[in-house]
N, C-alpha and C. Protein backbone atom coordinates (compact mmCIF):
# COMPACT_ATOMS: atom_id res chain seq x y z
N MET A 1 0.91 -0.95 0.18
CA MET A 1 0.08 -0.34 -0.04
C MET A 1 0.92 0.98 0.48
N HIS A 2 0.74 2.18 -1.18
CA HIS A 2 1.07 3.28 -1.20
C HIS A 2 0.66 4.67 -0.58
N THR A 3 1.04 5.77 -0.25
CA THR A 3 0.50 6.97 -0.21
C THR A 3 -0.29 7.63 -1.40
N LYS A 4 -0.50 8.38 -1.74
CA LYS A 4 -1.15 9.17 -2.68
C LYS A 4 -1.12 10.54 -2.17
N SER A 5 -0.49 11.44 -3.18
CA SER A 5 -0.16 12.71 -2.76
C SER A 5 -1.72 13.36 -2.21
N GLU A 6 -2.00 13.94 -0.73
CA GLU A 6 -2.94 14.49 -0.58
C GLU A 6 -2.96 15.59 0.50
N PRO A 7 -3.95 16.79 0.52
CA PRO A 7 -3.77 17.54 1.54
C PRO A 7 -3.82 17.08 2.69
N VAL A 8 -3.11 17.92 3.80
CA VAL A 8 -3.79 17.58 5.25
C VAL A 8 -3.37 19.03 5.71
N THR A 9 -4.67 19.24 6.61
CA THR A 9 -4.87 20.69 6.88
C THR A 9 -4.49 20.83 8.57
N GLY A 10 -4.16 21.96 9.33
CA GLY A 10 -4.08 21.46 10.46
C GLY A 10 -4.10 22.98 11.19
N SER A 11 -3.94 23.13 12.35
CA SER A 11 -3.38 24.40 13.12
C SER A 11 -2.36 24.05 13.70
N ILE A 12 -0.99 25.36 13.93
CA ILE A 12 0.42 25.11 14.38
C ILE A 12 0.22 26.53 14.76
N GLN A 13 0.98 26.60 16.03
CA GLN A 13 1.13 27.35 16.81
C GLN A 13 2.74 27.95 17.00
N ILE A 14 2.79 29.00 17.31
CA ILE A 14 4.20 29.76 17.79
C ILE A 14 4.08 30.12 19.19
N TRP A 15 5.48 29.54 19.78
CA TRP A 15 4.88 29.40 21.73
C TRP A 15 7.28 29.94 21.90
N ALA A 16 6.37 31.26 22.70
CA ALA A 16 7.70 31.74 23.27
C ALA A 16 7.97 30.72 24.35
N ILE A 17 9.08 30.14 24.59
CA ILE A 17 9.77 29.60 25.98
C ILE A 17 10.69 30.17 26.74
N PRO A 18 10.37 30.42 27.71
CA PRO A 18 11.49 31.47 28.58
C PRO A 18 12.82 30.69 28.71
N ARG A 19 13.48 31.00 28.30
CA ARG A 19 15.48 30.58 28.82
C ARG A 19 15.05 30.07 30.63
N SER A 20 16.19 29.56 31.08
CA SER A 20 16.30 29.41 32.22
C SER A 20 17.44 30.61 32.77
N THR A 21 17.17 31.11 34.18
CA THR A 21 17.84 32.08 34.72
C THR A 21 19.67 32.01 34.55
N TYR A 22 20.06 30.44 34.91
CA TYR A 22 20.94 30.36 34.30
C TYR A 22 21.56 29.95 33.21
N GLU A 23 20.94 29.66 32.37
CA GLU A 23 21.37 30.13 30.90
C GLU A 23 21.66 31.37 30.37
N LEU A 24 20.97 32.44 30.57
CA LEU A 24 20.74 33.81 30.46
C LEU A 24 21.96 34.63 31.05
N ALA A 25 22.21 33.61 32.17
CA ALA A 25 23.49 34.34 32.85
C ALA A 25 24.57 33.97 32.50
N GLN A 26 24.60 32.88 31.94
CA GLN A 26 26.02 32.05 31.17
C GLN A 26 26.07 32.65 29.70
N ASN A 27 24.89 33.70 29.08
CA ASN A 27 24.97 34.24 27.98
C ASN A 27 24.41 35.22 27.99
N PRO A 28 24.39 36.56 28.51
CA PRO A 28 23.40 37.31 28.43
C PRO A 28 23.12 37.86 27.02
N GLU A 29 23.62 37.73 26.05
CA GLU A 29 23.40 38.11 24.85
C GLU A 29 22.07 37.51 24.27
N LEU A 30 22.00 36.21 25.02
CA LEU A 30 20.68 35.74 24.65
C LEU A 30 19.14 36.23 24.11
N SER A 31 18.17 35.62 23.59
CA SER A 31 17.21 36.34 23.36
C SER A 31 16.55 35.54 25.24
N PRO A 32 15.58 36.30 25.51
CA PRO A 32 15.00 35.84 26.82
C PRO A 32 13.92 34.16 26.58
N PHE A 33 14.00 34.19 24.94
CA PHE A 33 12.50 33.02 24.74
C PHE A 33 13.51 32.24 23.77
N THR A 34 13.07 31.37 23.76
CA THR A 34 13.08 29.95 22.60
C THR A 34 11.94 30.05 21.91
N TYR A 35 11.90 29.54 20.71
CA TYR A 35 10.69 29.74 19.62
C TYR A 35 10.58 28.30 19.98
N GLN A 36 8.72 27.91 19.19
CA GLN A 36 8.88 26.62 19.18
C GLN A 36 7.42 26.78 18.28
N LEU A 37 7.37 25.43 17.90
CA LEU A 37 6.21 25.09 16.71
C LEU A 37 5.35 24.07 17.50
N CYS A 38 4.36 24.40 18.14
CA CYS A 38 3.46 23.04 18.82
C CYS A 38 2.04 22.66 18.27
N THR A 39 1.08 22.00 18.65
CA THR A 39 -0.03 21.89 18.07
C THR A 39 -0.60 22.04 19.15
N SER A 40 -0.16 22.03 20.50
CA SER A 40 -1.18 22.38 21.90
C SER A 40 -0.32 23.02 22.41
N THR A 41 -0.82 23.33 23.87
CA THR A 41 -0.10 24.05 24.95
C THR A 41 1.35 23.03 25.22
N PRO A 42 2.97 23.68 25.20
CA PRO A 42 3.88 23.41 25.55
C PRO A 42 3.57 23.46 27.30
N TRP A 43 4.41 22.13 27.80
CA TRP A 43 4.50 21.59 29.37
C TRP A 43 4.80 22.77 29.89
N GLN A 44 5.85 23.68 29.28
CA GLN A 44 6.80 24.26 30.06
C GLN A 44 6.31 25.63 30.62
N THR A 45 6.48 26.21 31.78
CA THR A 45 6.02 26.81 32.83
C THR A 45 6.06 28.27 32.06
N GLY A 46 5.31 29.03 31.89
CA GLY A 46 5.85 30.60 31.22
C GLY A 46 6.01 30.49 30.15
N ALA A 47 5.13 29.68 29.10
CA ALA A 47 4.71 29.41 28.01
C ALA A 47 4.24 30.44 27.63
N VAL A 48 4.65 31.63 26.62
CA VAL A 48 3.26 31.85 25.87
C VAL A 48 3.06 32.07 24.30
N ARG A 49 1.94 32.42 24.20
CA ARG A 49 1.31 31.47 22.23
C ARG A 49 1.53 33.21 22.32
N VAL A 50 2.30 32.93 20.90
CA VAL A 50 2.81 34.19 20.10
C VAL A 50 1.67 34.14 18.71
N SER A 51 1.16 33.60 17.96
CA SER A 51 0.49 33.02 17.45
C SER A 51 -0.08 31.58 16.72
N THR A 52 -1.09 31.67 15.71
CA THR A 52 -1.42 30.53 15.48
C THR A 52 -1.67 30.70 13.88
N HIS A 53 -1.48 29.18 13.52
CA HIS A 53 -1.48 29.39 11.84
C HIS A 53 -2.38 28.32 11.54
N GLU A 54 -3.27 28.23 10.28
CA GLU A 54 -3.50 27.17 9.64
C GLU A 54 -2.75 27.12 8.67
N VAL A 55 -1.98 25.96 8.87
CA VAL A 55 -1.36 25.36 7.68
C VAL A 55 -2.05 24.25 6.74
N THR A 56 -1.12 24.01 5.07
CA THR A 56 -1.89 22.78 4.83
C THR A 56 -0.61 22.30 4.05
N LEU A 57 -0.34 20.94 4.06
CA LEU A 57 0.49 20.50 3.71
C LEU A 57 0.50 19.26 3.16
N TYR A 58 0.99 18.38 2.02
CA TYR A 58 0.91 17.90 1.01
C TYR A 58 1.66 16.30 1.61
N VAL A 59 0.59 14.86 1.74
CA VAL A 59 1.13 13.21 1.90
C VAL A 59 2.43 13.12 1.01
N PRO A 60 3.43 12.97 1.07
CA PRO A 60 4.21 12.77 -0.33
C PRO A 60 3.88 11.58 -1.22
N ALA A 61 3.82 11.34 -2.49
CA ALA A 61 2.87 10.30 -2.98
C ALA A 61 4.48 8.87 -3.33
N GLY A 62 3.59 8.18 -3.05
CA GLY A 62 4.32 6.72 -3.05
C GLY A 62 5.18 6.45 -2.25
N VAL A 63 5.04 6.75 -0.84
CA VAL A 63 5.45 6.36 0.66
C VAL A 63 4.81 4.85 0.57
N ASN A 64 5.34 3.84 1.16
CA ASN A 64 5.47 2.30 0.76
C ASN A 64 5.13 2.40 2.34
N LEU A 65 3.54 2.18 2.80
CA LEU A 65 3.21 2.49 4.09
C LEU A 65 3.71 1.28 4.82
N LEU A 66 3.46 -0.08 4.36
CA LEU A 66 3.89 -1.35 5.30
C LEU A 66 5.19 -1.74 5.66
N ALA A 67 6.57 -0.78 4.71
CA ALA A 67 7.74 -0.34 4.91
C ALA A 67 7.95 0.55 6.18
N ALA A 68 7.03 1.84 6.10
CA ALA A 68 7.44 2.68 6.91
C ALA A 68 6.54 2.01 8.13
N ALA A 69 5.62 1.41 7.92
CA ALA A 69 5.02 0.71 9.40
C ALA A 69 6.24 -0.34 10.02
N LEU A 70 6.89 -1.41 9.27
CA LEU A 70 7.53 -1.98 9.85
C LEU A 70 9.08 -1.24 10.63
N GLU A 71 9.68 -0.24 10.04
CA GLU A 71 10.47 0.79 10.47
C GLU A 71 10.13 0.98 11.67
N THR A 72 9.16 1.63 11.86
CA THR A 72 8.52 2.64 12.97
C THR A 72 8.70 1.41 14.10
N LEU A 73 7.99 0.46 13.68
CA LEU A 73 7.75 -0.84 14.98
C LEU A 73 9.29 -1.74 14.77
N GLU A 74 10.44 -1.34 14.50
CA GLU A 74 11.56 -1.99 14.75
C GLU A 74 12.25 -0.96 15.48
N LEU A 75 11.94 0.77 15.50
CA LEU A 75 12.68 1.91 16.37
C LEU A 75 12.15 1.40 17.97
N LYS A 76 10.51 1.20 17.90
CA LYS A 76 9.85 1.02 18.83
C LYS A 76 10.56 0.06 19.73
N LYS A 77 10.57 -1.49 18.96
CA LYS A 77 11.34 -2.29 19.34
C LYS A 77 12.68 -2.26 19.82
N LYS A 78 13.46 -1.32 19.55
CA LYS A 78 14.68 -0.93 19.83
C LYS A 78 14.74 -0.44 21.12
N GLU A 79 13.62 0.94 21.11
CA GLU A 79 13.64 2.20 22.25
C GLU A 79 13.09 1.01 23.49
N ALA A 80 12.64 -0.21 23.02
CA ALA A 80 12.08 -0.88 24.51
C ALA A 80 13.16 -1.84 24.94
N PHE A 81 13.90 -2.38 24.12
CA PHE A 81 15.35 -2.86 24.46
C PHE A 81 15.97 -2.54 25.12
N ASP A 82 16.67 -0.99 24.90
CA ASP A 82 17.16 -0.09 25.31
C ASP A 82 16.67 0.03 27.10
N TYR A 83 15.47 1.01 26.72
CA TYR A 83 14.56 1.01 28.13
C TYR A 83 15.22 -0.03 29.13
N TYR A 84 14.67 -1.24 28.77
CA TYR A 84 15.24 -2.78 29.59
C TYR A 84 16.06 -2.49 29.75
N ALA A 85 17.05 -2.81 29.04
CA ALA A 85 18.62 -2.71 29.20
C ALA A 85 19.08 -1.88 30.69
N ARG A 86 18.99 -0.21 30.20
CA ARG A 86 19.02 0.53 31.06
C ARG A 86 18.67 -0.10 33.08
N GLN A 87 17.44 -0.58 33.16
CA GLN A 87 16.67 -0.68 33.73
C GLN A 87 17.35 -1.58 34.20
N VAL A 88 17.62 -2.97 33.54
CA VAL A 88 18.40 -4.39 34.38
C VAL A 88 20.01 -3.71 34.78
N LYS A 89 20.50 -2.73 34.40
CA LYS A 89 22.05 -2.42 34.40
C LYS A 89 21.33 -1.65 35.71
N GLU A 90 20.42 -0.87 36.29
CA GLU A 90 20.47 -0.37 37.17
C GLU A 90 19.90 -1.15 38.81
N VAL A 91 19.34 -2.03 38.41
CA VAL A 91 18.97 -3.55 39.20
C VAL A 91 20.14 -3.99 39.38
N ASP A 92 21.19 -4.40 38.25
CA ASP A 92 22.25 -5.47 39.33
C ASP A 92 23.25 -3.91 39.93
N GLU A 93 23.18 -2.88 39.50
CA GLU A 93 24.14 -1.84 40.20
C GLU A 93 23.03 -1.83 41.67
N GLN A 94 22.05 -1.77 41.91
CA GLN A 94 21.36 -1.88 43.39
C GLN A 94 22.00 -3.15 43.93
N VAL A 95 21.83 -4.42 43.29
CA VAL A 95 22.35 -5.73 43.82
C VAL A 95 23.34 -5.43 44.65
N GLN A 96 24.38 -5.38 43.87
CA GLN A 96 25.73 -5.06 44.08
C GLN A 96 26.24 -4.39 45.56
N GLN A 97 25.61 -2.88 44.82
CA GLN A 97 25.70 -2.32 46.83
C GLN A 97 25.07 -2.89 47.31
N LEU A 98 23.86 -3.86 47.29
CA LEU A 98 23.36 -4.64 48.70
C LEU A 98 24.48 -5.33 49.41
N LEU A 99 25.32 -6.17 48.24
CA LEU A 99 25.91 -7.33 48.61
C LEU A 99 27.18 -6.78 48.84
N ARG A 100 27.65 -5.94 48.72
CA ARG A 100 28.80 -4.83 49.43
C ARG A 100 28.40 -4.67 50.78
N LEU A 101 27.30 -3.96 51.05
CA LEU A 101 26.41 -3.73 52.36
C LEU A 101 26.86 -4.99 53.46
N ALA A 102 26.19 -6.07 52.52
CA ALA A 102 26.07 -7.16 53.58
C ALA A 102 27.66 -8.03 53.91
N GLY A 103 28.38 -7.79 53.17
CA GLY A 103 29.47 -8.16 53.71
C GLY A 103 30.81 -8.36 52.68
N PRO A 104 31.80 -9.08 52.99
CA PRO A 104 32.96 -8.88 52.08
C PRO A 104 32.80 -9.30 50.62
N SER A 105 33.48 -8.98 49.59
CA SER A 105 33.24 -9.38 48.44
C SER A 105 33.84 -10.39 47.88
N HIS A 106 34.47 -11.35 48.54
CA HIS A 106 35.16 -12.53 48.83
C HIS A 106 33.84 -13.70 48.92
N ALA A 107 32.63 -13.46 49.37
CA ALA A 107 31.70 -14.27 49.97
C ALA A 107 31.16 -15.04 48.44
N SER A 108 30.80 -16.20 48.76
CA SER A 108 30.54 -17.21 47.78
C SER A 108 29.23 -17.02 47.11
N PRO A 109 28.33 -17.18 45.98
CA PRO A 109 27.47 -16.89 45.73
C PRO A 109 26.53 -17.38 46.59
N GLU A 110 26.13 -18.76 47.10
CA GLU A 110 25.55 -19.32 48.40
C GLU A 110 25.49 -17.88 49.68
N GLU A 111 26.89 -17.96 49.73
CA GLU A 111 26.39 -16.62 50.88
C GLU A 111 26.11 -15.61 50.46
N ASN A 112 26.35 -14.57 49.36
CA ASN A 112 25.68 -13.59 48.89
C ASN A 112 24.01 -13.71 49.05
N GLU A 113 23.59 -15.09 49.00
CA GLU A 113 22.12 -15.52 48.79
C GLU A 113 21.83 -15.09 50.15
N ALA A 114 22.57 -15.96 51.53
CA ALA A 114 22.13 -15.77 52.44
C ALA A 114 22.30 -14.58 52.94
N ASN A 115 23.29 -13.81 52.94
CA ASN A 115 23.19 -12.34 53.26
C ASN A 115 21.86 -11.51 52.43
N ALA A 116 21.82 -11.74 51.23
CA ALA A 116 20.44 -11.03 50.92
C ALA A 116 19.23 -11.39 51.17
N ASP A 117 18.96 -12.78 52.05
CA ASP A 117 17.92 -13.15 52.66
C ASP A 117 17.76 -12.74 54.01
N ALA A 118 19.46 -12.54 54.82
CA ALA A 118 19.16 -11.47 55.93
C ALA A 118 18.61 -10.69 56.06
N LEU A 119 19.17 -9.65 54.57
CA LEU A 119 18.88 -8.52 54.59
C LEU A 119 17.29 -8.19 54.37
N VAL A 120 17.05 -9.11 53.50
CA VAL A 120 15.10 -8.96 53.23
C VAL A 120 14.38 -9.59 53.87
N GLY A 121 14.81 -10.34 54.86
CA GLY A 121 13.83 -11.31 56.48
C GLY A 121 12.73 -11.75 54.99
N ASP A 122 11.61 -11.07 56.51
CA ASP A 122 10.60 -11.70 55.97
C ASP A 122 9.58 -10.61 54.73
N TRP A 123 10.50 -9.75 54.30
CA TRP A 123 9.53 -8.82 53.77
C TRP A 123 8.78 -8.84 52.34
N GLU A 124 7.69 -8.27 51.94
CA GLU A 124 6.54 -8.82 51.40
C GLU A 124 6.41 -8.04 50.67
N PRO A 125 6.17 -7.37 49.04
CA PRO A 125 5.34 -6.37 48.81
C PRO A 125 4.40 -5.87 49.31
N GLU A 126 4.17 -4.86 49.25
CA GLU A 126 2.66 -4.07 49.63
C GLU A 126 2.04 -4.71 48.33
N ALA A 127 0.66 -4.82 48.68
CA ALA A 127 -0.65 -5.06 47.98
C ALA A 127 -0.98 -4.32 46.88
N ALA A 128 -1.49 -4.04 46.03
CA ALA A 128 -1.73 -2.92 44.88
C ALA A 128 -2.95 -2.84 45.43
N VAL A 129 -2.76 -1.28 45.63
CA VAL A 129 -4.00 -0.57 46.20
C VAL A 129 -4.95 -0.31 45.08
């Protein structure tokens, strides 16, 4: 399935986003605002809508939607794996910190497990509310 050239119309807004006091102190020549194109109110505190415009853009003809969908899903999968790897690394670091607190680094895996059991005791996670 391929796209055909057709118009897409919508509103776009220009927002002025205040720079941080740190950023302004580092470079006093900067404008006090940066500008962003948004389709809704930005989350930053102090943002000021400068103007709103109706725009029409055209979908490019001939884009293979199946290939684009697969590429999008592969990127999502990579992001999920990257997130998972970061989470696992953080948990591994926490485990290592606990084991260092529990005893000497030359302890066997069985001793480490016993130390971990002693640290945790009968702790049970709280039930979901």
